[in-house]
Amino acid sequence: MRIINWFKTIIEDINTIKEKDVAARNIFEVIFLYQGFHVLLAHRIAHKLLYWKIPFIPRLISQIARFFTGIEIHPGATIGKRFFIDHGMGVVIGETTIIGDDVLIYQGVTLGGTGKEQGKRHPTLGNFVTVGAGAKVLGNITIGDCSTIGAGSVVIDNVPEHSTVVGIPGRIVKQSTLIQGELQHNRIPDPIACQLNRLTYEVKELQEKINK
């Protein structure tokens, strides 16, 4: 039964890529041409071997997958169903990372630690989380369900559910940018620009008062 469930998870991974990537013409392209699927398949095997306490081989599988795909996932990381790495080059996922279901991440993402601390030291991502290209999510923090991390952001604090985070360091902004599981890069708000606009408006008001 567990083997059947494992194969069902793999099939779900394939279908997820086909549904979310318009460039995927059919399942054969996903199986043979998508490095995100290749590294995920290797990880699911390595993770299972690690669970069975088999030494060395899980890390070997991880490093071989890294060599061929440019994506590094530690065998100890826990990854949920329907996980999709879009493009993928440069993605790093640390040992104690926990990823929920229906998570989407883009190239250059790091789910890493902040030092040499022991125990849980990598992020936990809830369900339906999206992490934009080049974002860094660091430390033992939690990203709540249905949240979005903007491209290039650096996040080192917990993020509540249904939040959008942008900037360095990451700032929470109150606007939904996740539409049907896709990151709308052009709709991510810029908190610095918003602040400048507010200051410009206030200066204009003061000038009008002075003129009067």
N, C-alpha and C. Protein backbone atom coordinates (compact mmCIF):
# COMPACT_ATOMS: atom_id res chain seq x y z
N MET A 1 0.83 -1.21 0.00
CA MET A 1 0.00 0.00 0.00
C MET A 1 0.86 1.26 0.00
N ARG A 2 1.96 1.27 0.79
CA ARG A 2 2.83 2.44 0.84
C ARG A 2 3.49 2.68 -0.51
N ILE A 3 3.88 1.60 -1.21
CA ILE A 3 4.49 1.74 -2.53
C ILE A 3 3.48 2.35 -3.51
N ILE A 4 2.23 1.91 -3.43
CA ILE A 4 1.19 2.45 -4.30
C ILE A 4 1.00 3.94 -4.04
N ASN A 5 0.96 4.32 -2.77
CA ASN A 5 0.81 5.74 -2.41
C ASN A 5 2.00 6.56 -2.90
N TRP A 6 3.19 5.97 -2.84
CA TRP A 6 4.39 6.66 -3.31
C TRP A 6 4.29 6.93 -4.81
N PHE A 7 3.84 5.93 -5.58
CA PHE A 7 3.68 6.11 -7.02
C PHE A 7 2.58 7.13 -7.33
N LYS A 8 1.53 7.16 -6.52
CA LYS A 8 0.48 8.15 -6.71
C LYS A 8 1.03 9.56 -6.52
N THR A 9 1.92 9.72 -5.54
CA THR A 9 2.54 11.02 -5.30
C THR A 9 3.37 11.45 -6.50
N ILE A 10 4.13 10.52 -7.09
CA ILE A 10 4.94 10.82 -8.27
C ILE A 10 4.07 11.24 -9.43
N ILE A 11 2.97 10.52 -9.64
CA ILE A 11 2.04 10.86 -10.73
C ILE A 11 1.46 12.25 -10.50
N GLU A 12 1.12 12.57 -9.26
CA GLU A 12 0.63 13.90 -8.93
C GLU A 12 1.67 14.96 -9.25
N ASP A 13 2.95 14.68 -8.96
CA ASP A 13 4.04 15.62 -9.27
C ASP A 13 4.09 15.89 -10.77
N ILE A 14 3.97 14.84 -11.58
CA ILE A 14 4.01 14.99 -13.04
C ILE A 14 2.83 15.83 -13.52
N ASN A 15 1.64 15.51 -13.06
CA ASN A 15 0.45 16.23 -13.49
C ASN A 15 0.48 17.69 -13.05
N THR A 16 1.05 17.95 -11.88
CA THR A 16 1.15 19.32 -11.38
C THR A 16 2.00 20.17 -12.31
N ILE A 17 3.15 19.64 -12.73
CA ILE A 17 4.02 20.38 -13.65
C ILE A 17 3.31 20.64 -14.96
N LYS A 18 2.65 19.64 -15.48
CA LYS A 18 1.94 19.79 -16.76
C LYS A 18 0.84 20.84 -16.66
N GLU A 19 0.16 20.89 -15.53
CA GLU A 19 -0.93 21.85 -15.36
C GLU A 19 -0.44 23.27 -15.16
N LYS A 20 0.69 23.44 -14.44
CA LYS A 20 1.15 24.77 -14.07
C LYS A 20 2.11 25.39 -15.08
N ASP A 21 2.72 24.58 -15.92
CA ASP A 21 3.68 25.11 -16.90
C ASP A 21 3.10 24.96 -18.30
N VAL A 22 2.76 26.10 -18.92
CA VAL A 22 2.14 26.05 -20.25
C VAL A 22 3.12 25.54 -21.31
N ALA A 23 4.43 25.55 -20.99
CA ALA A 23 5.42 25.06 -21.95
C ALA A 23 5.48 23.54 -22.00
N ALA A 24 4.88 22.88 -21.02
CA ALA A 24 4.88 21.41 -20.99
C ALA A 24 3.78 20.90 -21.91
N ARG A 25 4.16 20.36 -23.03
CA ARG A 25 3.18 19.93 -24.03
C ARG A 25 2.49 18.63 -23.64
N ASN A 26 3.24 17.75 -22.98
CA ASN A 26 2.67 16.46 -22.60
C ASN A 26 3.49 15.88 -21.45
N ILE A 27 3.02 14.76 -20.90
CA ILE A 27 3.70 14.18 -19.73
C ILE A 27 5.08 13.63 -20.08
N PHE A 28 5.29 13.29 -21.36
CA PHE A 28 6.61 12.77 -21.74
C PHE A 28 7.67 13.86 -21.66
N GLU A 29 7.30 15.08 -22.01
CA GLU A 29 8.25 16.19 -21.85
C GLU A 29 8.58 16.40 -20.37
N VAL A 30 7.58 16.30 -19.52
CA VAL A 30 7.81 16.46 -18.08
C VAL A 30 8.76 15.39 -17.56
N ILE A 31 8.51 14.15 -17.95
CA ILE A 31 9.30 13.03 -17.44
C ILE A 31 10.75 13.10 -17.91
N PHE A 32 10.96 13.48 -19.17
CA PHE A 32 12.30 13.40 -19.74
C PHE A 32 13.06 14.73 -19.76
N LEU A 33 12.36 15.86 -19.69
CA LEU A 33 13.02 17.13 -19.93
C LEU A 33 13.01 18.11 -18.75
N TYR A 34 12.28 17.81 -17.69
CA TYR A 34 12.14 18.78 -16.60
C TYR A 34 13.02 18.40 -15.42
N GLN A 35 14.07 19.22 -15.19
CA GLN A 35 15.00 18.91 -14.11
C GLN A 35 14.34 19.03 -12.74
N GLY A 36 13.29 19.87 -12.65
CA GLY A 36 12.57 19.98 -11.38
C GLY A 36 11.92 18.66 -10.99
N PHE A 37 11.40 17.96 -12.00
CA PHE A 37 10.82 16.64 -11.72
C PHE A 37 11.91 15.62 -11.42
N HIS A 38 13.02 15.68 -12.16
CA HIS A 38 14.11 14.71 -11.95
C HIS A 38 14.65 14.80 -10.53
N VAL A 39 14.91 16.03 -10.06
CA VAL A 39 15.48 16.18 -8.72
C VAL A 39 14.46 15.81 -7.65
N LEU A 40 13.19 16.07 -7.91
CA LEU A 40 12.16 15.71 -6.93
C LEU A 40 12.01 14.20 -6.83
N LEU A 41 12.08 13.51 -7.96
CA LEU A 41 12.03 12.05 -7.96
C LEU A 41 13.21 11.48 -7.18
N ALA A 42 14.40 12.03 -7.45
CA ALA A 42 15.60 11.58 -6.73
C ALA A 42 15.46 11.85 -5.23
N HIS A 43 14.90 13.01 -4.89
CA HIS A 43 14.74 13.33 -3.47
C HIS A 43 13.76 12.38 -2.78
N ARG A 44 12.68 12.07 -3.43
CA ARG A 44 11.69 11.19 -2.79
C ARG A 44 12.29 9.81 -2.53
N ILE A 45 13.16 9.35 -3.43
CA ILE A 45 13.86 8.08 -3.21
C ILE A 45 14.85 8.21 -2.06
N ALA A 46 15.67 9.27 -2.10
CA ALA A 46 16.69 9.47 -1.07
C ALA A 46 16.05 9.67 0.30
N HIS A 47 14.96 10.40 0.35
CA HIS A 47 14.28 10.65 1.62
C HIS A 47 13.74 9.36 2.23
N LYS A 48 13.22 8.49 1.37
CA LYS A 48 12.71 7.21 1.85
C LYS A 48 13.85 6.33 2.38
N LEU A 49 14.99 6.33 1.68
CA LEU A 49 16.14 5.55 2.13
C LEU A 49 16.67 6.08 3.46
N LEU A 50 16.66 7.40 3.61
CA LEU A 50 17.10 8.00 4.87
C LEU A 50 16.15 7.62 6.00
N TYR A 51 14.86 7.57 5.70
CA TYR A 51 13.85 7.17 6.68
C TYR A 51 14.11 5.73 7.14
N TRP A 52 14.58 4.90 6.22
CA TRP A 52 14.93 3.52 6.56
C TRP A 52 16.30 3.41 7.21
N LYS A 53 16.94 4.56 7.49
CA LYS A 53 18.24 4.64 8.17
C LYS A 53 19.38 3.99 7.37
N ILE A 54 19.28 4.07 6.07
CA ILE A 54 20.36 3.60 5.21
C ILE A 54 21.41 4.71 5.08
N PRO A 55 22.66 4.45 5.45
CA PRO A 55 23.67 5.51 5.45
C PRO A 55 24.23 5.80 4.05
N PHE A 56 24.80 6.96 3.89
CA PHE A 56 25.61 7.38 2.74
C PHE A 56 24.82 7.48 1.43
N ILE A 57 24.08 6.44 1.07
CA ILE A 57 23.43 6.40 -0.24
C ILE A 57 22.47 7.57 -0.46
N PRO A 58 21.65 7.95 0.55
CA PRO A 58 20.76 9.10 0.32
C PRO A 58 21.52 10.38 -0.06
N ARG A 59 22.63 10.67 0.63
CA ARG A 59 23.42 11.86 0.29
C ARG A 59 24.06 11.72 -1.08
N LEU A 60 24.46 10.50 -1.43
CA LEU A 60 25.04 10.26 -2.76
C LEU A 60 24.01 10.55 -3.85
N ILE A 61 22.79 10.07 -3.65
CA ILE A 61 21.73 10.33 -4.62
C ILE A 61 21.49 11.83 -4.75
N SER A 62 21.48 12.52 -3.60
CA SER A 62 21.26 13.97 -3.59
C SER A 62 22.34 14.70 -4.38
N GLN A 63 23.59 14.31 -4.20
CA GLN A 63 24.70 14.98 -4.88
C GLN A 63 24.72 14.67 -6.38
N ILE A 64 24.37 13.46 -6.74
CA ILE A 64 24.27 13.12 -8.17
C ILE A 64 23.17 13.95 -8.84
N ALA A 65 22.03 14.06 -8.15
CA ALA A 65 20.93 14.87 -8.68
C ALA A 65 21.35 16.33 -8.81
N ARG A 66 22.10 16.82 -7.83
CA ARG A 66 22.59 18.20 -7.88
C ARG A 66 23.50 18.41 -9.08
N PHE A 67 24.36 17.44 -9.36
CA PHE A 67 25.31 17.54 -10.47
C PHE A 67 24.57 17.67 -11.80
N PHE A 68 23.51 16.89 -11.97
CA PHE A 68 22.81 16.86 -13.26
C PHE A 68 21.74 17.95 -13.39
N THR A 69 21.22 18.47 -12.28
CA THR A 69 20.11 19.43 -12.37
C THR A 69 20.44 20.83 -11.90
N GLY A 70 21.50 20.99 -11.11
CA GLY A 70 21.80 22.29 -10.54
C GLY A 70 20.90 22.65 -9.38
N ILE A 71 20.17 21.67 -8.86
CA ILE A 71 19.26 21.87 -7.74
C ILE A 71 19.70 20.98 -6.59
N GLU A 72 19.83 21.55 -5.41
CA GLU A 72 20.29 20.78 -4.25
C GLU A 72 19.18 20.66 -3.21
N ILE A 73 18.75 19.43 -2.97
CA ILE A 73 17.75 19.16 -1.93
C ILE A 73 18.34 18.13 -0.98
N HIS A 74 18.49 18.50 0.27
CA HIS A 74 19.02 17.54 1.25
C HIS A 74 18.00 16.42 1.45
N PRO A 75 18.46 15.16 1.53
CA PRO A 75 17.53 14.04 1.71
C PRO A 75 16.67 14.15 2.96
N GLY A 76 17.13 14.92 3.95
CA GLY A 76 16.36 15.05 5.19
C GLY A 76 15.17 15.99 5.07
N ALA A 77 15.13 16.80 4.02
CA ALA A 77 14.01 17.74 3.86
C ALA A 77 12.71 16.98 3.64
N THR A 78 11.62 17.51 4.21
CA THR A 78 10.30 16.90 4.07
C THR A 78 9.48 17.72 3.08
N ILE A 79 9.04 17.07 2.01
CA ILE A 79 8.34 17.77 0.93
C ILE A 79 6.97 17.14 0.71
N GLY A 80 5.95 17.98 0.66
CA GLY A 80 4.58 17.52 0.51
C GLY A 80 4.21 17.18 -0.93
N LYS A 81 2.93 17.07 -1.17
CA LYS A 81 2.43 16.66 -2.49
C LYS A 81 2.36 17.85 -3.45
N ARG A 82 2.44 17.52 -4.74
CA ARG A 82 2.25 18.48 -5.83
C ARG A 82 3.21 19.67 -5.72
N PHE A 83 4.45 19.37 -5.38
CA PHE A 83 5.50 20.37 -5.28
C PHE A 83 6.06 20.63 -6.68
N PHE A 84 6.27 21.91 -7.00
CA PHE A 84 6.74 22.27 -8.34
C PHE A 84 7.89 23.26 -8.24
N ILE A 85 9.04 22.91 -8.80
CA ILE A 85 10.18 23.81 -8.93
C ILE A 85 10.22 24.28 -10.38
N ASP A 86 9.88 25.53 -10.62
CA ASP A 86 9.86 26.05 -11.99
C ASP A 86 11.25 26.53 -12.39
N HIS A 87 11.76 26.06 -13.50
CA HIS A 87 13.12 26.31 -14.00
C HIS A 87 14.15 25.64 -13.09
N GLY A 88 14.32 26.12 -11.87
CA GLY A 88 15.02 25.34 -10.86
C GLY A 88 16.49 25.60 -10.63
N MET A 89 17.24 26.05 -11.63
CA MET A 89 18.68 26.19 -11.44
C MET A 89 19.01 27.05 -10.22
N GLY A 90 19.89 26.53 -9.37
CA GLY A 90 20.35 27.29 -8.21
C GLY A 90 19.50 27.15 -6.97
N VAL A 91 18.47 26.33 -7.01
CA VAL A 91 17.63 26.14 -5.83
C VAL A 91 18.38 25.31 -4.79
N VAL A 92 18.30 25.72 -3.52
CA VAL A 92 18.91 24.99 -2.40
C VAL A 92 17.86 24.82 -1.31
N ILE A 93 17.66 23.58 -0.87
CA ILE A 93 16.68 23.27 0.18
C ILE A 93 17.40 22.50 1.28
N GLY A 94 17.44 23.08 2.48
CA GLY A 94 18.23 22.53 3.58
C GLY A 94 17.61 21.32 4.25
N GLU A 95 18.40 20.72 5.12
CA GLU A 95 18.11 19.41 5.72
C GLU A 95 16.81 19.38 6.52
N THR A 96 16.54 20.39 7.32
CA THR A 96 15.37 20.34 8.20
C THR A 96 14.19 21.16 7.65
N THR A 97 14.26 21.48 6.37
CA THR A 97 13.15 22.19 5.73
C THR A 97 11.91 21.30 5.69
N ILE A 98 10.76 21.92 5.92
CA ILE A 98 9.48 21.23 5.78
C ILE A 98 8.64 22.03 4.79
N ILE A 99 8.17 21.36 3.75
CA ILE A 99 7.38 22.02 2.70
C ILE A 99 6.01 21.35 2.62
N GLY A 100 4.96 22.14 2.67
CA GLY A 100 3.60 21.61 2.62
C GLY A 100 3.18 21.20 1.22
N ASP A 101 1.89 21.08 1.02
CA ASP A 101 1.34 20.67 -0.27
C ASP A 101 1.13 21.88 -1.18
N ASP A 102 1.20 21.61 -2.49
CA ASP A 102 0.88 22.61 -3.52
C ASP A 102 1.76 23.85 -3.41
N VAL A 103 3.04 23.63 -3.17
CA VAL A 103 4.01 24.73 -3.07
C VAL A 103 4.72 24.92 -4.41
N LEU A 104 4.94 26.17 -4.78
CA LEU A 104 5.61 26.51 -6.03
C LEU A 104 6.81 27.40 -5.71
N ILE A 105 8.00 27.03 -6.19
CA ILE A 105 9.17 27.89 -6.04
C ILE A 105 9.87 28.03 -7.39
N TYR A 106 10.56 29.16 -7.54
CA TYR A 106 11.23 29.47 -8.79
C TYR A 106 12.75 29.34 -8.63
N GLN A 107 13.47 29.59 -9.72
CA GLN A 107 14.91 29.40 -9.74
C GLN A 107 15.63 30.30 -8.74
N GLY A 108 16.76 29.82 -8.23
CA GLY A 108 17.59 30.63 -7.35
C GLY A 108 17.11 30.76 -5.93
N VAL A 109 16.07 30.04 -5.57
CA VAL A 109 15.52 30.12 -4.21
C VAL A 109 16.40 29.35 -3.23
N THR A 110 16.61 29.91 -2.04
CA THR A 110 17.32 29.22 -0.97
C THR A 110 16.40 29.10 0.24
N LEU A 111 16.19 27.88 0.68
CA LEU A 111 15.50 27.61 1.94
C LEU A 111 16.58 27.10 2.88
N GLY A 112 17.24 28.01 3.57
CA GLY A 112 18.47 27.67 4.28
C GLY A 112 18.46 28.03 5.75
N GLY A 113 19.61 27.78 6.38
CA GLY A 113 19.80 28.12 7.79
C GLY A 113 20.54 29.44 7.93
N THR A 114 20.75 29.84 9.18
CA THR A 114 21.43 31.11 9.46
C THR A 114 22.74 30.92 10.22
N GLY A 115 23.13 29.69 10.48
CA GLY A 115 24.35 29.45 11.24
C GLY A 115 24.59 27.98 11.45
N LYS A 116 25.29 27.64 12.52
CA LYS A 116 25.63 26.25 12.80
C LYS A 116 24.81 25.67 13.95
N GLU A 117 23.62 26.25 14.19
CA GLU A 117 22.78 25.75 15.26
C GLU A 117 22.32 24.33 14.96
N GLN A 118 21.98 23.60 16.00
CA GLN A 118 21.54 22.21 15.86
C GLN A 118 20.02 22.14 15.83
N GLY A 119 19.49 20.98 15.48
CA GLY A 119 18.05 20.78 15.47
C GLY A 119 17.39 21.43 14.27
N LYS A 120 16.15 21.85 14.47
CA LYS A 120 15.39 22.49 13.39
C LYS A 120 15.98 23.85 13.10
N ARG A 121 16.55 24.01 11.94
CA ARG A 121 17.26 25.25 11.61
C ARG A 121 16.90 25.79 10.23
N HIS A 122 15.95 25.16 9.56
CA HIS A 122 15.53 25.60 8.23
C HIS A 122 14.04 25.93 8.24
N PRO A 123 13.55 26.60 7.20
CA PRO A 123 12.16 27.08 7.22
C PRO A 123 11.12 25.96 7.11
N THR A 124 9.90 26.33 7.51
CA THR A 124 8.72 25.51 7.29
C THR A 124 7.77 26.31 6.41
N LEU A 125 7.42 25.76 5.26
CA LEU A 125 6.50 26.40 4.34
C LEU A 125 5.15 25.70 4.42
N GLY A 126 4.09 26.47 4.59
CA GLY A 126 2.76 25.90 4.65
C GLY A 126 2.25 25.48 3.28
N ASN A 127 0.98 25.22 3.17
CA ASN A 127 0.36 24.81 1.91
C ASN A 127 0.11 26.03 1.01
N PHE A 128 0.18 25.81 -0.29
CA PHE A 128 -0.12 26.84 -1.29
C PHE A 128 0.78 28.06 -1.15
N VAL A 129 2.03 27.84 -0.80
CA VAL A 129 3.00 28.94 -0.71
C VAL A 129 3.73 29.08 -2.05
N THR A 130 4.02 30.31 -2.44
CA THR A 130 4.79 30.58 -3.64
C THR A 130 6.02 31.41 -3.26
N VAL A 131 7.19 30.99 -3.75
CA VAL A 131 8.44 31.70 -3.46
C VAL A 131 9.06 32.13 -4.79
N GLY A 132 9.20 33.44 -4.99
CA GLY A 132 9.68 33.99 -6.24
C GLY A 132 11.17 33.77 -6.47
N ALA A 133 11.59 34.02 -7.71
CA ALA A 133 12.96 33.77 -8.14
C ALA A 133 13.96 34.53 -7.28
N GLY A 134 15.01 33.82 -6.84
CA GLY A 134 16.10 34.44 -6.10
C GLY A 134 15.81 34.76 -4.66
N ALA A 135 14.65 34.42 -4.16
CA ALA A 135 14.31 34.73 -2.77
C ALA A 135 15.08 33.83 -1.81
N LYS A 136 15.38 34.36 -0.63
CA LYS A 136 16.07 33.61 0.42
C LYS A 136 15.18 33.57 1.66
N VAL A 137 14.84 32.38 2.08
CA VAL A 137 14.05 32.19 3.29
C VAL A 137 14.94 31.45 4.27
N LEU A 138 15.31 32.12 5.37
CA LEU A 138 16.42 31.62 6.19
C LEU A 138 16.01 31.43 7.65
N GLY A 139 16.46 30.33 8.22
CA GLY A 139 16.26 30.08 9.64
C GLY A 139 15.03 29.25 9.94
N ASN A 140 14.86 28.96 11.21
CA ASN A 140 13.73 28.16 11.67
C ASN A 140 12.50 29.06 11.80
N ILE A 141 11.94 29.42 10.66
CA ILE A 141 10.77 30.29 10.62
C ILE A 141 9.65 29.58 9.88
N THR A 142 8.45 30.11 9.99
CA THR A 142 7.28 29.51 9.35
C THR A 142 6.66 30.50 8.38
N ILE A 143 6.42 30.03 7.17
CA ILE A 143 5.70 30.80 6.17
C ILE A 143 4.29 30.24 6.10
N GLY A 144 3.32 31.05 6.47
CA GLY A 144 1.94 30.58 6.59
C GLY A 144 1.32 30.17 5.27
N ASP A 145 0.23 29.43 5.35
CA ASP A 145 -0.48 28.96 4.17
C ASP A 145 -0.87 30.12 3.25
N CYS A 146 -0.84 29.84 1.94
CA CYS A 146 -1.32 30.78 0.93
C CYS A 146 -0.55 32.09 0.93
N SER A 147 0.71 32.07 1.35
CA SER A 147 1.54 33.27 1.35
C SER A 147 2.44 33.31 0.12
N THR A 148 2.91 34.50 -0.21
CA THR A 148 3.75 34.71 -1.38
C THR A 148 5.01 35.46 -0.97
N ILE A 149 6.18 34.95 -1.38
CA ILE A 149 7.44 35.63 -1.16
C ILE A 149 7.90 36.19 -2.50
N GLY A 150 8.03 37.51 -2.58
CA GLY A 150 8.40 38.15 -3.83
C GLY A 150 9.82 37.83 -4.27
N ALA A 151 10.06 37.96 -5.57
CA ALA A 151 11.38 37.67 -6.14
C ALA A 151 12.45 38.53 -5.48
N GLY A 152 13.57 37.89 -5.12
CA GLY A 152 14.71 38.61 -4.56
C GLY A 152 14.59 38.98 -3.10
N SER A 153 13.50 38.62 -2.46
CA SER A 153 13.30 38.98 -1.05
C SER A 153 14.18 38.13 -0.14
N VAL A 154 14.48 38.68 1.04
CA VAL A 154 15.20 37.94 2.07
C VAL A 154 14.31 37.91 3.31
N VAL A 155 13.87 36.72 3.69
CA VAL A 155 12.90 36.58 4.78
C VAL A 155 13.57 35.86 5.95
N ILE A 156 13.55 36.49 7.13
CA ILE A 156 14.18 35.90 8.31
C ILE A 156 13.22 35.87 9.51
N ASP A 157 11.96 36.26 9.28
CA ASP A 157 10.96 36.25 10.35
C ASP A 157 9.72 35.48 9.89
N ASN A 158 8.93 35.03 10.85
CA ASN A 158 7.70 34.32 10.53
C ASN A 158 6.78 35.19 9.67
N VAL A 159 6.04 34.51 8.80
CA VAL A 159 5.09 35.20 7.92
C VAL A 159 3.70 34.61 8.17
N PRO A 160 2.70 35.44 8.50
CA PRO A 160 1.36 34.92 8.73
C PRO A 160 0.74 34.38 7.45
N GLU A 161 -0.36 33.66 7.60
CA GLU A 161 -1.09 33.14 6.44
C GLU A 161 -1.60 34.29 5.56
N HIS A 162 -1.75 33.99 4.27
CA HIS A 162 -2.34 34.92 3.29
C HIS A 162 -1.59 36.25 3.25
N SER A 163 -0.27 36.19 3.38
CA SER A 163 0.54 37.42 3.35
C SER A 163 1.43 37.43 2.12
N THR A 164 1.84 38.64 1.76
CA THR A 164 2.82 38.82 0.70
C THR A 164 4.03 39.54 1.29
N VAL A 165 5.22 39.03 1.00
CA VAL A 165 6.45 39.60 1.55
C VAL A 165 7.35 40.04 0.40
N VAL A 166 7.87 41.26 0.48
CA VAL A 166 8.80 41.75 -0.53
C VAL A 166 9.94 42.49 0.16
N GLY A 167 11.07 42.60 -0.53
CA GLY A 167 12.16 43.45 -0.08
C GLY A 167 13.23 42.75 0.73
N ILE A 168 14.27 43.56 1.09
CA ILE A 168 15.39 43.10 1.90
C ILE A 168 15.58 44.10 3.04
N PRO A 169 15.35 43.73 4.28
CA PRO A 169 14.73 42.46 4.69
C PRO A 169 13.26 42.42 4.29
N GLY A 170 12.68 41.25 4.29
CA GLY A 170 11.31 41.09 3.84
C GLY A 170 10.31 41.90 4.66
N ARG A 171 9.41 42.57 3.97
CA ARG A 171 8.35 43.34 4.63
C ARG A 171 7.00 42.76 4.21
N ILE A 172 6.09 42.65 5.15
CA ILE A 172 4.77 42.13 4.85
C ILE A 172 3.91 43.26 4.29
N VAL A 173 3.30 43.02 3.14
CA VAL A 173 2.38 43.99 2.54
C VAL A 173 1.03 43.32 2.37
N LYS A 174 -0.02 44.10 2.45
CA LYS A 174 -1.38 43.55 2.44
C LYS A 174 -1.99 43.61 1.06
N GLN A 175 -1.53 42.72 0.20
CA GLN A 175 -2.14 42.63 -1.12
C GLN A 175 -1.93 41.23 -1.65
N SER A 176 -3.00 40.62 -2.16
CA SER A 176 -2.90 39.27 -2.68
C SER A 176 -2.27 39.30 -4.06
N THR A 177 -1.22 38.45 -4.27
CA THR A 177 -0.58 38.37 -5.58
C THR A 177 -0.60 36.95 -6.12
N LEU A 178 -1.26 36.05 -5.42
CA LEU A 178 -1.29 34.66 -5.84
C LEU A 178 -2.63 34.39 -6.50
N ILE A 179 -2.63 34.17 -7.80
CA ILE A 179 -3.85 33.95 -8.55
C ILE A 179 -3.79 32.58 -9.19
N GLN A 180 -4.63 31.66 -8.72
CA GLN A 180 -4.69 30.31 -9.26
C GLN A 180 -3.32 29.65 -9.27
N GLY A 181 -2.57 29.82 -8.16
CA GLY A 181 -1.30 29.13 -8.01
C GLY A 181 -0.16 29.69 -8.83
N GLU A 182 -0.30 30.93 -9.37
CA GLU A 182 0.75 31.52 -10.17
C GLU A 182 1.18 32.83 -9.54
N LEU A 183 2.48 33.09 -9.52
CA LEU A 183 2.99 34.33 -8.95
C LEU A 183 2.90 35.43 -9.99
N GLN A 184 2.14 36.49 -9.67
CA GLN A 184 1.99 37.63 -10.56
C GLN A 184 3.09 38.64 -10.22
N HIS A 185 4.28 38.48 -10.84
CA HIS A 185 5.42 39.33 -10.50
C HIS A 185 5.11 40.81 -10.69
N ASN A 186 4.33 41.14 -11.71
CA ASN A 186 4.07 42.54 -12.01
C ASN A 186 3.05 43.16 -11.06
N ARG A 187 2.46 42.37 -10.16
CA ARG A 187 1.46 42.91 -9.24
C ARG A 187 1.95 42.93 -7.80
N ILE A 188 3.21 42.59 -7.58
CA ILE A 188 3.74 42.63 -6.22
C ILE A 188 3.99 44.09 -5.83
N PRO A 189 3.39 44.55 -4.74
CA PRO A 189 3.56 45.95 -4.35
C PRO A 189 4.97 46.25 -3.87
N ASP A 190 5.39 47.49 -4.05
CA ASP A 190 6.70 47.95 -3.60
C ASP A 190 6.49 48.88 -2.41
N PRO A 191 6.80 48.44 -1.18
CA PRO A 191 6.54 49.27 0.00
C PRO A 191 7.34 50.56 0.00
N ILE A 192 8.54 50.56 -0.57
CA ILE A 192 9.35 51.78 -0.62
C ILE A 192 8.70 52.80 -1.54
N ALA A 193 8.23 52.34 -2.70
CA ALA A 193 7.55 53.25 -3.62
C ALA A 193 6.28 53.81 -3.00
N CYS A 194 5.55 52.97 -2.27
CA CYS A 194 4.33 53.43 -1.60
C CYS A 194 4.66 54.53 -0.58
N GLN A 195 5.75 54.33 0.17
CA GLN A 195 6.15 55.32 1.17
C GLN A 195 6.56 56.63 0.51
N LEU A 196 7.29 56.55 -0.59
CA LEU A 196 7.71 57.77 -1.31
C LEU A 196 6.50 58.51 -1.87
N ASN A 197 5.53 57.76 -2.38
CA ASN A 197 4.31 58.39 -2.89
C ASN A 197 3.56 59.12 -1.77
N ARG A 198 3.53 58.48 -0.59
CA ARG A 198 2.84 59.11 0.54
C ARG A 198 3.55 60.40 0.95
N LEU A 199 4.90 60.36 1.01
CA LEU A 199 5.66 61.55 1.38
C LEU A 199 5.49 62.66 0.34
N THR A 200 5.47 62.28 -0.93
CA THR A 200 5.25 63.27 -2.00
C THR A 200 3.91 63.96 -1.84
N TYR A 201 2.90 63.19 -1.52
CA TYR A 201 1.56 63.74 -1.33
C TYR A 201 1.53 64.69 -0.13
N GLU A 202 2.21 64.30 0.96
CA GLU A 202 2.24 65.16 2.15
C GLU A 202 2.97 66.47 1.86
N VAL A 203 4.07 66.39 1.12
CA VAL A 203 4.81 67.61 0.76
C VAL A 203 3.93 68.53 -0.09
N LYS A 204 3.19 67.94 -1.01
CA LYS A 204 2.29 68.73 -1.86
C LYS A 204 1.23 69.44 -1.02
N GLU A 205 0.69 68.74 -0.02
CA GLU A 205 -0.31 69.34 0.86
C GLU A 205 0.29 70.51 1.65
N LEU A 206 1.52 70.32 2.15
CA LEU A 206 2.18 71.38 2.91
C LEU A 206 2.45 72.60 2.03
N GLN A 207 2.86 72.37 0.78
CA GLN A 207 3.11 73.47 -0.14
C GLN A 207 1.84 74.27 -0.41
N GLU A 208 0.72 73.57 -0.55
CA GLU A 208 -0.56 74.23 -0.79
C GLU A 208 -0.96 75.08 0.42
N LYS A 209 -0.71 74.57 1.64
CA LYS A 209 -1.02 75.34 2.84
C LYS A 209 -0.16 76.58 2.95
N ILE A 210 1.13 76.44 2.60
CA ILE A 210 2.04 77.59 2.66
C ILE A 210 1.63 78.66 1.66
N ASN A 211 1.23 78.21 0.46
CA ASN A 211 0.81 79.17 -0.58
C ASN A 211 -0.44 79.92 -0.16
N LYS A 212 -1.31 79.25 0.59
CA LYS A 212 -2.51 79.93 1.04
C LYS A 212 -2.20 80.95 2.14
